[in-house]
């Protein structure tokens, strides 16, 4: 006899052990599958890699074959997470991920007195997007968030949202650019090339005029197609003169005139120590070093499979090192792998 009830030890049936092991295995398999799964948006493309010994090569093209081409894509900019492409003839800025996956669109509101909007050149300042609207001769600043994330494969799914409000236009309180051709952002300031005055107008974070620079360069600026600021200063593509200048962003004084000459340079992007310049007439992208000397040329001769009919805009994604070039004639974005020398 015992003095009290006998406590039974904790028992686990063999069947329970088997079920638990199976459940653990299933969960592990699901976790592994999810970790390996490639979450892609509609329109995403698989990029090719550089072959051994190559410094440039075609990575891919989007929209992919079978999708409608873009209607005259001009400006393009990368904000660290998203690509913005000005689809000018549609009055829309398309938004993609770095693989060409469709995120959404930003419809540019039509200004009073003009039939449509015509976004041409873009710049990103934090959560804001600056857009040169050639139809209204203005630079508008809007939210950089796309209207909606699309879940459809065709591009039309991204264009149905209503136009978001313009936060402000640069110079709307006084001294607006009369013929804006390019815009870039540096710190809290917007830099706008004004072909009407052959200068560059600078506006603060609220769009108020601050100063004009580079108006007394000799020879004077003609038509600025693109600008970007890097460690050397404000890099200016003087399209009609076929030259690239670097000027002080504060004073506009010339710092350097690049050695390379172009037929019709239309856009520029910094690669760190050097830059990439799009030449529309030459149908090429020139990689220039810190002194403006030609280091590499991307064209039908060097990358035949990536030949461009009418390149206009360029963006740089530093990791893993890809140039995104808009081709207006083909209605696509051509992507190149680049290993800067």
C-alpha atoms as a PDB file:
ATOM      1  CA  UNK A   1       0.000   0.000   0.000  1.00  0.00           C
ATOM      2  CA  UNK A   2       0.986   3.605  -0.577  1.00  0.00           C
ATOM      3  CA  UNK A   3       0.359   6.637   1.565  1.00  0.00           C
ATOM      4  CA  UNK A   4      -1.227   8.559  -1.344  1.00  0.00           C
ATOM      5  CA  UNK A   5      -1.929   8.570  -5.054  1.00  0.00           C
ATOM      6  CA  UNK A   6       0.918   7.545  -7.264  1.00  0.00           C
ATOM      7  CA  UNK A   7       2.063  10.304  -9.661  1.00  0.00           C
ATOM      8  CA  UNK A   8       2.449   8.972 -13.206  1.00  0.00           C
ATOM      9  CA  UNK A   9       5.429  10.188 -15.227  1.00  0.00           C
ATOM     10  CA  UNK A  10       4.869  12.357 -18.314  1.00  0.00           C
ATOM     11  CA  UNK A  11       4.270   9.995 -21.219  1.00  0.00           C
ATOM     12  CA  UNK A  12       4.404  10.789 -24.940  1.00  0.00           C
ATOM     13  CA  UNK A  13       2.938   8.324 -27.325  1.00  0.00           C
ATOM     14  CA  UNK A  14       5.054   7.305 -30.338  1.00  0.00           C
ATOM     15  CA  UNK A  15       2.281   8.476 -32.664  1.00  0.00           C
ATOM     16  CA  UNK A  16       2.437  11.970 -31.139  1.00  0.00           C
ATOM     17  CA  UNK A  17       6.186  12.095 -31.682  1.00  0.00           C
ATOM     18  CA  UNK A  18       5.782  11.132 -35.332  1.00  0.00           C
ATOM     19  CA  UNK A  19       3.082  13.772 -35.906  1.00  0.00           C
ATOM     20  CA  UNK A  20       5.232  16.455 -34.266  1.00  0.00           C
ATOM     21  CA  UNK A  21       8.236  15.516 -36.384  1.00  0.00           C
ATOM     22  CA  UNK A  22       6.163  15.657 -39.563  1.00  0.00           C
ATOM     23  CA  UNK A  23       4.754  19.057 -38.593  1.00  0.00           C
ATOM     24  CA  UNK A  24       8.246  20.415 -37.918  1.00  0.00           C
ATOM     25  CA  UNK A  25       9.449  19.084 -41.266  1.00  0.00           C
ATOM     26  CA  UNK A  26       6.497  20.707 -43.089  1.00  0.00           C
ATOM     27  CA  UNK A  27       7.075  24.052 -41.390  1.00  0.00           C
ATOM     28  CA  UNK A  28      10.789  23.912 -42.215  1.00  0.00           C
ATOM     29  CA  UNK A  29      10.000  23.129 -45.842  1.00  0.00           C
ATOM     30  CA  UNK A  30       7.592  26.071 -46.069  1.00  0.00           C
ATOM     31  CA  UNK A  31      10.146  28.448 -44.532  1.00  0.00           C
ATOM     32  CA  UNK A  32      12.810  27.236 -46.954  1.00  0.00           C
ATOM     33  CA  UNK A  33      10.472  27.609 -49.930  1.00  0.00           C
ATOM     34  CA  UNK A  34       9.520  31.123 -48.892  1.00  0.00           C
ATOM     35  CA  UNK A  35      13.165  32.080 -48.454  1.00  0.00           C
ATOM     36  CA  UNK A  36      13.976  30.793 -51.932  1.00  0.00           C
ATOM     37  CA  UNK A  37      10.877  32.169 -53.597  1.00  0.00           C
ATOM     38  CA  UNK A  38      11.500  35.099 -55.923  1.00  0.00           C
ATOM     39  CA  UNK A  39       8.870  37.692 -55.078  1.00  0.00           C
ATOM     40  CA  UNK A  40       8.532  39.685 -58.286  1.00  0.00           C
ATOM     41  CA  UNK A  41       6.172  42.370 -59.486  1.00  0.00           C
ATOM     42  CA  UNK A  42       4.450  42.269 -62.869  1.00  0.00           C
ATOM     43  CA  UNK A  43       6.848  43.057 -65.686  1.00  0.00           C
ATOM     44  CA  UNK A  44       9.998  42.058 -63.783  1.00  0.00           C
ATOM     45  CA  UNK A  45      12.848  40.791 -65.934  1.00  0.00           C
ATOM     46  CA  UNK A  46      15.763  38.475 -65.270  1.00  0.00           C
ATOM     47  CA  UNK A  47      19.042  40.316 -65.642  1.00  0.00           C
ATOM     48  CA  UNK A  48      22.041  38.856 -67.420  1.00  0.00           C
ATOM     49  CA  UNK A  49      25.378  39.189 -65.657  1.00  0.00           C
ATOM     50  CA  UNK A  50      28.699  40.449 -66.966  1.00  0.00           C
ATOM     51  CA  UNK A  51      30.804  37.804 -68.608  1.00  0.00           C
ATOM     52  CA  UNK A  52      34.311  37.289 -67.276  1.00  0.00           C
ATOM     53  CA  UNK A  53      36.592  40.026 -68.510  1.00  0.00           C
ATOM     54  CA  UNK A  54      33.751  42.358 -69.548  1.00  0.00           C
ATOM     55  CA  UNK A  55      33.418  45.903 -68.207  1.00  0.00           C
ATOM     56  CA  UNK A  56      30.060  46.612 -69.904  1.00  0.00           C
ATOM     57  CA  UNK A  57      27.281  44.372 -71.155  1.00  0.00           C
ATOM     58  CA  UNK A  58      23.534  44.210 -71.694  1.00  0.00           C
ATOM     59  CA  UNK A  59      21.585  43.262 -68.572  1.00  0.00           C
ATOM     60  CA  UNK A  60      18.071  43.443 -70.051  1.00  0.00           C
ATOM     61  CA  UNK A  61      15.242  45.572 -71.418  1.00  0.00           C
ATOM     62  CA  UNK A  62      11.862  46.535 -70.010  1.00  0.00           C
ATOM     63  CA  UNK A  63       8.919  46.632 -70.506  1.00  0.00           C
ATOM     64  CA  UNK A  64       9.457  43.003 -71.550  1.00  0.00           C
ATOM     65  CA  UNK A  65       8.592  41.696 -74.988  1.00  0.00           C
ATOM     66  CA  UNK A  66       4.842  41.344 -75.380  1.00  0.00           C
ATOM     67  CA  UNK A  67       4.037  44.345 -73.166  1.00  0.00           C
ATOM     68  CA  UNK A  68       3.075  47.739 -74.676  1.00  0.00           C
ATOM     69  CA  UNK A  69       6.059  50.063 -75.143  1.00  0.00           C
ATOM     70  CA  UNK A  70       6.287  53.327 -73.231  1.00  0.00           C
ATOM     71  CA  UNK A  71       5.045  56.458 -74.988  1.00  0.00           C
ATOM     72  CA  UNK A  72       8.213  58.511 -75.499  1.00  0.00           C
ATOM     73  CA  UNK A  73      10.151  57.804 -72.270  1.00  0.00           C
ATOM     74  CA  UNK A  74      12.518  60.683 -71.527  1.00  0.00           C
ATOM     75  CA  UNK A  75      13.805  61.395 -68.014  1.00  0.00           C
ATOM     76  CA  UNK A  76      14.638  58.674 -65.516  1.00  0.00           C
ATOM     77  CA  UNK A  77      15.849  58.828 -61.911  1.00  0.00           C
ATOM     78  CA  UNK A  78      16.607  56.341 -59.116  1.00  0.00           C
ATOM     79  CA  UNK A  79      15.811  57.228 -55.501  1.00  0.00           C
ATOM     80  CA  UNK A  80      17.544  54.274 -53.850  1.00  0.00           C
ATOM     81  CA  UNK A  81      14.461  52.057 -53.962  1.00  0.00           C
ATOM     82  CA  UNK A  82      12.435  52.973 -57.040  1.00  0.00           C
ATOM     83  CA  UNK A  83      12.917  54.042 -60.624  1.00  0.00           C
ATOM     84  CA  UNK A  84      10.871  56.940 -61.990  1.00  0.00           C
ATOM     85  CA  UNK A  85      10.448  57.164 -65.764  1.00  0.00           C
ATOM     86  CA  UNK A  86       8.829  60.140 -67.507  1.00  0.00           C
ATOM     87  CA  UNK A  87       6.440  58.687 -70.088  1.00  0.00           C
ATOM     88  CA  UNK A  88       6.116  62.053 -71.762  1.00  0.00           C
ATOM     89  CA  UNK A  89       3.471  61.480 -74.424  1.00  0.00           C
ATOM     90  CA  UNK A  90       1.180  59.925 -71.789  1.00  0.00           C
ATOM     91  CA  UNK A  91       1.672  62.724 -69.240  1.00  0.00           C
ATOM     92  CA  UNK A  92       2.662  60.123 -66.660  1.00  0.00           C
ATOM     93  CA  UNK A  93       5.664  59.204 -64.547  1.00  0.00           C
ATOM     94  CA  UNK A  94       5.916  55.427 -64.336  1.00  0.00           C
ATOM     95  CA  UNK A  95       7.356  53.886 -61.187  1.00  0.00           C
ATOM     96  CA  UNK A  96       9.300  50.620 -61.231  1.00  0.00           C
ATOM     97  CA  UNK A  97      11.517  48.549 -59.021  1.00  0.00           C
ATOM     98  CA  UNK A  98      15.096  47.978 -60.136  1.00  0.00           C
ATOM     99  CA  UNK A  99      14.121  44.903 -62.178  1.00  0.00           C
ATOM    100  CA  UNK A 100      11.436  46.680 -64.153  1.00  0.00           C
ATOM    101  CA  UNK A 101       8.596  45.430 -61.960  1.00  0.00           C
ATOM    102  CA  UNK A 102       5.610  47.759 -62.158  1.00  0.00           C
ATOM    103  CA  UNK A 103       4.894  49.595 -58.891  1.00  0.00           C
ATOM    104  CA  UNK A 104       2.505  52.311 -60.056  1.00  0.00           C
ATOM    105  CA  UNK A 105       2.280  55.686 -61.729  1.00  0.00           C
ATOM    106  CA  UNK A 106       2.128  59.394 -60.993  1.00  0.00           C
ATOM    107  CA  UNK A 107      -0.140  61.336 -63.308  1.00  0.00           C
ATOM    108  CA  UNK A 108       1.019  64.912 -63.846  1.00  0.00           C
ATOM    109  CA  UNK A 109      -1.864  67.403 -63.448  1.00  0.00           C
ATOM    110  CA  UNK A 110      -2.498  69.488 -66.549  1.00  0.00           C
ATOM    111  CA  UNK A 111      -1.784  73.172 -66.091  1.00  0.00           C
ATOM    112  CA  UNK A 112      -4.452  75.713 -66.923  1.00  0.00           C
ATOM    113  CA  UNK A 113      -4.357  76.859 -70.527  1.00  0.00           C
ATOM    114  CA  UNK A 114      -2.484  73.881 -71.983  1.00  0.00           C
ATOM    115  CA  UNK A 115      -4.028  70.702 -73.452  1.00  0.00           C
ATOM    116  CA  UNK A 116      -1.846  68.176 -71.642  1.00  0.00           C
ATOM    117  CA  UNK A 117       1.131  67.668 -69.359  1.00  0.00           C
ATOM    118  CA  UNK A 118       4.508  66.697 -70.780  1.00  0.00           C
ATOM    119  CA  UNK A 119       6.924  65.415 -68.119  1.00  0.00           C
ATOM    120  CA  UNK A 120      10.473  65.452 -69.469  1.00  0.00           C
ATOM    121  CA  UNK A 121      13.196  65.604 -66.795  1.00  0.00           C
ATOM    122  CA  UNK A 122      12.933  64.297 -63.231  1.00  0.00           C
ATOM    123  CA  UNK A 123      14.684  64.744 -59.891  1.00  0.00           C
ATOM    124  CA  UNK A 124      13.977  63.185 -56.507  1.00  0.00           C
ATOM    125  CA  UNK A 125      14.318  65.052 -53.217  1.00  0.00           C
ATOM    126  CA  UNK A 126      13.488  62.702 -50.356  1.00  0.00           C
ATOM    127  CA  UNK A 127       9.780  61.949 -50.618  1.00  0.00           C
ATOM    128  CA  UNK A 128       9.241  64.572 -53.322  1.00  0.00           C
ATOM    129  CA  UNK A 129       9.506  64.387 -57.083  1.00  0.00           C
ATOM    130  CA  UNK A 130      10.438  67.433 -59.175  1.00  0.00           C
ATOM    131  CA  UNK A 131       9.159  67.302 -62.753  1.00  0.00           C
ATOM    132  CA  UNK A 132       9.973  69.535 -65.702  1.00  0.00           C
ATOM    133  CA  UNK A 133       6.616  69.913 -67.483  1.00  0.00           C
ATOM    134  CA  UNK A 134       7.535  71.121 -70.964  1.00  0.00           C
ATOM    135  CA  UNK A 135       3.916  71.703 -71.960  1.00  0.00           C
ATOM    136  CA  UNK A 136       3.421  74.392 -69.317  1.00  0.00           C
ATOM    137  CA  UNK A 137       7.046  75.593 -69.078  1.00  0.00           C
ATOM    138  CA  UNK A 138       7.123  74.896 -65.348  1.00  0.00           C
ATOM    139  CA  UNK A 139       8.771  72.681 -62.740  1.00  0.00           C
ATOM    140  CA  UNK A 140       6.274  71.110 -60.369  1.00  0.00           C
ATOM    141  CA  UNK A 141       7.020  69.355 -57.094  1.00  0.00           C
ATOM    142  CA  UNK A 142       4.784  66.453 -56.094  1.00  0.00           C
ATOM    143  CA  UNK A 143       4.731  63.483 -53.750  1.00  0.00           C
ATOM    144  CA  UNK A 144       7.113  60.773 -54.945  1.00  0.00           C
ATOM    145  CA  UNK A 145       4.728  58.033 -53.853  1.00  0.00           C
ATOM    146  CA  UNK A 146       3.032  56.336 -56.802  1.00  0.00           C
ATOM    147  CA  UNK A 147      -0.735  56.419 -57.015  1.00  0.00           C
ATOM    148  CA  UNK A 148      -1.113  52.696 -56.413  1.00  0.00           C
ATOM    149  CA  UNK A 149       0.803  49.455 -56.361  1.00  0.00           C
ATOM    150  CA  UNK A 150      -0.424  47.470 -59.348  1.00  0.00           C
ATOM    151  CA  UNK A 151      -1.243  43.812 -59.339  1.00  0.00           C
ATOM    152  CA  UNK A 152      -1.744  43.461 -63.073  1.00  0.00           C
ATOM    153  CA  UNK A 153       0.775  42.525 -65.730  1.00  0.00           C
ATOM    154  CA  UNK A 154      -0.014  45.179 -68.307  1.00  0.00           C
ATOM    155  CA  UNK A 155       1.138  48.762 -67.999  1.00  0.00           C
ATOM    156  CA  UNK A 156      -2.365  50.182 -68.335  1.00  0.00           C
ATOM    157  CA  UNK A 157      -3.081  49.021 -64.785  1.00  0.00           C
ATOM    158  CA  UNK A 158      -0.749  51.711 -63.494  1.00  0.00           C
ATOM    159  CA  UNK A 159      -2.350  54.647 -65.288  1.00  0.00           C
ATOM    160  CA  UNK A 160      -5.895  54.747 -64.018  1.00  0.00           C
ATOM    161  CA  UNK A 161      -5.371  56.634 -60.778  1.00  0.00           C
ATOM    162  CA  UNK A 162      -6.415  60.243 -60.418  1.00  0.00           C
ATOM    163  CA  UNK A 163      -3.716  62.891 -60.548  1.00  0.00           C
ATOM    164  CA  UNK A 164      -2.246  63.775 -57.141  1.00  0.00           C
ATOM    165  CA  UNK A 165      -2.029  67.407 -56.160  1.00  0.00           C
ATOM    166  CA  UNK A 166       0.956  69.560 -57.022  1.00  0.00           C
ATOM    167  CA  UNK A 167       2.636  70.642 -53.791  1.00  0.00           C
ATOM    168  CA  UNK A 168       4.081  73.723 -55.450  1.00  0.00           C
ATOM    169  CA  UNK A 169       5.732  74.975 -58.620  1.00  0.00           C
ATOM    170  CA  UNK A 170       9.246  76.352 -58.420  1.00  0.00           C
ATOM    171  CA  UNK A 171       9.171  80.126 -58.450  1.00  0.00           C
ATOM    172  CA  UNK A 172       5.411  80.447 -58.193  1.00  0.00           C
ATOM    173  CA  UNK A 173       5.925  83.253 -55.646  1.00  0.00           C
ATOM    174  CA  UNK A 174       8.243  85.070 -58.041  1.00  0.00           C
ATOM    175  CA  UNK A 175      11.069  84.517 -60.540  1.00  0.00           C
ATOM    176  CA  UNK A 176       9.935  81.220 -62.072  1.00  0.00           C
ATOM    177  CA  UNK A 177      12.050  79.677 -64.824  1.00  0.00           C
ATOM    178  CA  UNK A 178      10.753  80.834 -68.201  1.00  0.00           C
ATOM    179  CA  UNK A 179      12.000  77.884 -70.231  1.00  0.00           C
ATOM    180  CA  UNK A 180      13.081  75.092 -67.879  1.00  0.00           C
ATOM    181  CA  UNK A 181      15.011  72.299 -69.553  1.00  0.00           C
ATOM    182  CA  UNK A 182      16.553  70.349 -66.668  1.00  0.00           C
ATOM    183  CA  UNK A 183      16.295  70.001 -62.894  1.00  0.00           C
ATOM    184  CA  UNK A 184      18.386  68.445 -60.155  1.00  0.00           C
ATOM    185  CA  UNK A 185      18.458  68.565 -56.369  1.00  0.00           C
ATOM    186  CA  UNK A 186      21.381  69.180 -54.035  1.00  0.00           C
ATOM    187  CA  UNK A 187      20.831  69.424 -50.317  1.00  0.00           C
ATOM    188  CA  UNK A 188      17.752  71.564 -49.744  1.00  0.00           C
ATOM    189  CA  UNK A 189      17.955  73.340 -53.089  1.00  0.00           C
ATOM    190  CA  UNK A 190      16.495  72.786 -56.550  1.00  0.00           C
ATOM    191  CA  UNK A 191      18.660  73.721 -59.539  1.00  0.00           C
ATOM    192  CA  UNK A 192      16.777  74.522 -62.754  1.00  0.00           C
ATOM    193  CA  UNK A 193      18.383  75.218 -66.128  1.00  0.00           C
ATOM    194  CA  UNK A 194      16.552  78.075 -67.845  1.00  0.00           C
ATOM    195  CA  UNK A 195      17.182  78.256 -71.591  1.00  0.00           C
ATOM    196  CA  UNK A 196      15.376  81.613 -71.836  1.00  0.00           C
ATOM    197  CA  UNK A 197      18.023  83.318 -69.688  1.00  0.00           C
ATOM    198  CA  UNK A 198      20.990  80.989 -70.369  1.00  0.00           C
ATOM    199  CA  UNK A 199      21.461  80.476 -66.654  1.00  0.00           C
ATOM    200  CA  UNK A 200      20.656  78.128 -63.782  1.00  0.00           C
ATOM    201  CA  UNK A 201      18.096  79.266 -61.231  1.00  0.00           C
ATOM    202  CA  UNK A 202      18.238  78.007 -57.664  1.00  0.00           C
ATOM    203  CA  UNK A 203      15.186  77.569 -55.397  1.00  0.00           C
ATOM    204  CA  UNK A 204      14.906  76.595 -51.753  1.00  0.00           C
ATOM    205  CA  UNK A 205      13.078  73.583 -50.325  1.00  0.00           C
ATOM    206  CA  UNK A 206       9.770  75.466 -50.479  1.00  0.00           C
ATOM    207  CA  UNK A 207      10.209  76.469 -54.113  1.00  0.00           C
ATOM    208  CA  UNK A 208      11.207  80.102 -53.450  1.00  0.00           C
ATOM    209  CA  UNK A 209      13.795  81.734 -55.689  1.00  0.00           C
ATOM    210  CA  UNK A 210      17.244  82.082 -54.081  1.00  0.00           C
ATOM    211  CA  UNK A 211      19.756  83.071 -56.773  1.00  0.00           C
ATOM    212  CA  UNK A 212      20.837  82.664 -60.391  1.00  0.00           C
ATOM    213  CA  UNK A 213      24.202  81.149 -61.299  1.00  0.00           C
ATOM    214  CA  UNK A 214      26.267  80.351 -64.407  1.00  0.00           C
ATOM    215  CA  UNK A 215      24.696  83.183 -66.404  1.00  0.00           C
ATOM    216  CA  UNK A 216      28.061  84.785 -67.148  1.00  0.00           C
ATOM    217  CA  UNK A 217      29.905  81.719 -68.419  1.00  0.00           C
ATOM    218  CA  UNK A 218      31.860  82.203 -71.622  1.00  0.00           C
ATOM    219  CA  UNK A 219      30.667  80.870 -73.941  1.00  0.00           C
ATOM    220  CA  UNK A 220      27.195  81.081 -72.444  1.00  0.00           C
ATOM    221  CA  UNK A 221      25.054  78.048 -71.814  1.00  0.00           C
ATOM    222  CA  UNK A 222      22.899  77.051 -74.761  1.00  0.00           C
ATOM    223  CA  UNK A 223      20.391  74.294 -73.968  1.00  0.00           C
ATOM    224  CA  UNK A 224      21.056  72.296 -70.802  1.00  0.00           C
ATOM    225  CA  UNK A 225      19.756  68.755 -71.210  1.00  0.00           C
ATOM    226  CA  UNK A 226      20.743  67.390 -67.828  1.00  0.00           C
ATOM    227  CA  UNK A 227      22.464  68.179 -64.541  1.00  0.00           C
ATOM    228  CA  UNK A 228      23.750  66.295 -61.517  1.00  0.00           C
ATOM    229  CA  UNK A 229      25.773  67.234 -58.437  1.00  0.00           C
ATOM    230  CA  UNK A 230      28.712  65.119 -57.310  1.00  0.00           C
ATOM    231  CA  UNK A 231      31.832  65.698 -55.218  1.00  0.00           C
ATOM    232  CA  UNK A 232      33.326  67.893 -57.947  1.00  0.00           C
ATOM    233  CA  UNK A 233      30.383  70.277 -58.224  1.00  0.00           C
ATOM    234  CA  UNK A 234      27.357  70.800 -60.447  1.00  0.00           C
ATOM    235  CA  UNK A 235      27.844  68.814 -63.669  1.00  0.00           C
ATOM    236  CA  UNK A 236      26.026  70.500 -66.551  1.00  0.00           C
ATOM    237  CA  UNK A 237      25.299  68.962 -69.955  1.00  0.00           C
ATOM    238  CA  UNK A 238      25.318  71.858 -72.441  1.00  0.00           C
ATOM    239  CA  UNK A 239      23.567  69.990 -75.229  1.00  0.00           C
ATOM    240  CA  UNK A 240      23.731  72.334 -78.205  1.00  0.00           C
ATOM    241  CA  UNK A 241      27.401  73.097 -77.492  1.00  0.00           C
ATOM    242  CA  UNK A 242      28.294  69.413 -77.186  1.00  0.00           C
ATOM    243  CA  UNK A 243      30.093  69.910 -73.890  1.00  0.00           C
ATOM    244  CA  UNK A 244      29.945  68.936 -70.229  1.00  0.00           C
ATOM    245  CA  UNK A 245      30.936  71.522 -67.616  1.00  0.00           C
ATOM    246  CA  UNK A 246      31.396  71.389 -63.882  1.00  0.00           C
ATOM    247  CA  UNK A 247      30.517  74.575 -62.032  1.00  0.00           C
ATOM    248  CA  UNK A 248      30.465  75.606 -58.403  1.00  0.00           C
ATOM    249  CA  UNK A 249      26.862  75.071 -57.152  1.00  0.00           C
ATOM    250  CA  UNK A 250      27.119  78.157 -54.970  1.00  0.00           C
ATOM    251  CA  UNK A 251      28.619  80.689 -57.343  1.00  0.00           C
ATOM    252  CA  UNK A 252      28.267  79.111 -60.787  1.00  0.00           C
ATOM    253  CA  UNK A 253      31.956  79.631 -61.524  1.00  0.00           C
ATOM    254  CA  UNK A 254      33.456  77.084 -63.884  1.00  0.00           C
ATOM    255  CA  UNK A 255      35.497  74.373 -62.171  1.00  0.00           C
ATOM    256  CA  UNK A 256      36.228  72.090 -65.116  1.00  0.00           C
ATOM    257  CA  UNK A 257      35.315  71.583 -68.750  1.00  0.00           C
ATOM    258  CA  UNK A 258      35.399  67.904 -69.629  1.00  0.00           C
ATOM    259  CA  UNK A 259      37.823  66.772 -72.312  1.00  0.00           C
ATOM    260  CA  UNK A 260      35.314  64.637 -74.169  1.00  0.00           C
ATOM    261  CA  UNK A 261      33.216  66.292 -76.882  1.00  0.00           C
ATOM    262  CA  UNK A 262      29.738  65.101 -77.847  1.00  0.00           C
ATOM    263  CA  UNK A 263      27.343  65.536 -80.753  1.00  0.00           C
ATOM    264  CA  UNK A 264      24.145  66.009 -78.706  1.00  0.00           C
ATOM    265  CA  UNK A 265      24.552  65.169 -75.013  1.00  0.00           C
ATOM    266  CA  UNK A 266      21.158  65.012 -73.310  1.00  0.00           C
ATOM    267  CA  UNK A 267      21.579  63.546 -69.827  1.00  0.00           C
ATOM    268  CA  UNK A 268      24.182  62.816 -67.176  1.00  0.00           C
ATOM    269  CA  UNK A 269      24.426  60.734 -64.014  1.00  0.00           C
ATOM    270  CA  UNK A 270      27.221  60.528 -61.467  1.00  0.00           C
ATOM    271  CA  UNK A 271      29.073  57.233 -61.068  1.00  0.00           C
ATOM    272  CA  UNK A 272      31.020  58.411 -58.055  1.00  0.00           C
ATOM    273  CA  UNK A 273      34.411  59.522 -59.350  1.00  0.00           C
ATOM    274  CA  UNK A 274      33.201  59.771 -62.954  1.00  0.00           C
ATOM    275  CA  UNK A 275      29.924  60.089 -64.829  1.00  0.00           C
ATOM    276  CA  UNK A 276      27.845  58.614 -67.643  1.00  0.00           C
ATOM    277  CA  UNK A 277      26.700  60.938 -70.435  1.00  0.00           C
ATOM    278  CA  UNK A 278      23.952  60.075 -72.923  1.00  0.00           C
ATOM    279  CA  UNK A 279      24.622  61.260 -76.483  1.00  0.00           C
ATOM    280  CA  UNK A 280      21.370  61.174 -78.458  1.00  0.00           C
ATOM    281  CA  UNK A 281      22.859  61.680 -81.929  1.00  0.00           C
ATOM    282  CA  UNK A 282      25.717  59.229 -81.390  1.00  0.00           C
ATOM    283  CA  UNK A 283      23.245  56.711 -79.903  1.00  0.00           C
ATOM    284  CA  UNK A 284      25.690  56.036 -77.132  1.00  0.00           C
ATOM    285  CA  UNK A 285      26.473  56.401 -73.457  1.00  0.00           C
ATOM    286  CA  UNK A 286      29.956  57.643 -72.648  1.00  0.00           C
ATOM    287  CA  UNK A 287      31.593  56.730 -69.353  1.00  0.00           C
ATOM    288  CA  UNK A 288      33.946  59.580 -68.459  1.00  0.00           C
ATOM    289  CA  UNK A 289      36.496  59.675 -65.652  1.00  0.00           C
ATOM    290  CA  UNK A 290      36.877  62.329 -62.957  1.00  0.00           C
ATOM    291  CA  UNK A 291      38.696  64.614 -65.407  1.00  0.00           C
ATOM    292  CA  UNK A 292      36.113  64.207 -68.161  1.00  0.00           C
ATOM    293  CA  UNK A 293      38.218  61.902 -70.339  1.00  0.00           C
ATOM    294  CA  UNK A 294      36.489  59.014 -72.116  1.00  0.00           C
ATOM    295  CA  UNK A 295      36.930  55.724 -70.270  1.00  0.00           C
ATOM    296  CA  UNK A 296      34.302  53.570 -71.956  1.00  0.00           C
ATOM    297  CA  UNK A 297      31.676  53.858 -74.681  1.00  0.00           C
ATOM    298  CA  UNK A 298      28.417  51.925 -74.739  1.00  0.00           C
ATOM    299  CA  UNK A 299      27.040  51.781 -78.269  1.00  0.00           C
ATOM    300  CA  UNK A 300      26.143  49.415 -81.102  1.00  0.00           C
ATOM    301  CA  UNK A 301      29.817  48.636 -81.612  1.00  0.00           C
ATOM    302  CA  UNK A 302      30.717  47.745 -78.033  1.00  0.00           C
ATOM    303  CA  UNK A 303      27.396  46.187 -76.966  1.00  0.00           C
ATOM    304  CA  UNK A 304      25.607  45.172 -80.230  1.00  0.00           C
ATOM    305  CA  UNK A 305      22.746  43.424 -78.470  1.00  0.00           C
ATOM    306  CA  UNK A 306      22.024  46.608 -76.525  1.00  0.00           C
ATOM    307  CA  UNK A 307      21.991  49.091 -79.404  1.00  0.00           C
ATOM    308  CA  UNK A 308      19.789  52.138 -78.818  1.00  0.00           C
ATOM    309  CA  UNK A 309      17.794  54.043 -81.433  1.00  0.00           C
ATOM    310  CA  UNK A 310      17.319  57.301 -79.510  1.00  0.00           C
ATOM    311  CA  UNK A 311      18.716  57.323 -75.941  1.00  0.00           C
ATOM    312  CA  UNK A 312      17.639  60.260 -73.793  1.00  0.00           C
ATOM    313  CA  UNK A 313      17.744  59.713 -70.024  1.00  0.00           C
ATOM    314  CA  UNK A 314      20.030  57.806 -67.682  1.00  0.00           C
ATOM    315  CA  UNK A 315      19.977  56.555 -64.084  1.00  0.00           C
ATOM    316  CA  UNK A 316      22.590  54.675 -62.060  1.00  0.00           C
ATOM    317  CA  UNK A 317      21.996  51.928 -59.508  1.00  0.00           C
ATOM    318  CA  UNK A 318      25.387  51.547 -57.815  1.00  0.00           C
ATOM    319  CA  UNK A 319      24.765  48.145 -56.276  1.00  0.00           C
ATOM    320  CA  UNK A 320      25.281  45.940 -58.236  1.00  0.00           C
ATOM    321  CA  UNK A 321      26.296  48.527 -60.874  1.00  0.00           C
ATOM    322  CA  UNK A 322      23.703  49.079 -63.611  1.00  0.00           C
ATOM    323  CA  UNK A 323      22.891  51.935 -65.969  1.00  0.00           C
ATOM    324  CA  UNK A 324      19.261  52.435 -66.985  1.00  0.00           C
ATOM    325  CA  UNK A 325      18.862  54.306 -70.281  1.00  0.00           C
ATOM    326  CA  UNK A 326      15.553  55.423 -71.768  1.00  0.00           C
ATOM    327  CA  UNK A 327      15.182  54.841 -75.513  1.00  0.00           C
ATOM    328  CA  UNK A 328      12.435  57.081 -76.877  1.00  0.00           C
ATOM    329  CA  UNK A 329      12.252  55.473 -80.323  1.00  0.00           C
ATOM    330  CA  UNK A 330      11.808  51.960 -78.960  1.00  0.00           C
ATOM    331  CA  UNK A 331       9.727  52.919 -75.925  1.00  0.00           C
ATOM    332  CA  UNK A 332      11.859  50.917 -73.517  1.00  0.00           C
ATOM    333  CA  UNK A 333      14.459  51.194 -70.789  1.00  0.00           C
ATOM    334  CA  UNK A 334      17.715  49.494 -71.744  1.00  0.00           C
ATOM    335  CA  UNK A 335      19.741  48.252 -68.782  1.00  0.00           C
ATOM    336  CA  UNK A 336      23.515  47.775 -68.881  1.00  0.00           C
ATOM    337  CA  UNK A 337      25.846  46.095 -66.434  1.00  0.00           C
ATOM    338  CA  UNK A 338      28.805  48.403 -65.875  1.00  0.00           C
ATOM    339  CA  UNK A 339      32.020  47.821 -63.996  1.00  0.00           C
ATOM    340  CA  UNK A 340      33.635  51.275 -63.838  1.00  0.00           C
ATOM    341  CA  UNK A 341      37.391  51.203 -64.375  1.00  0.00           C
END
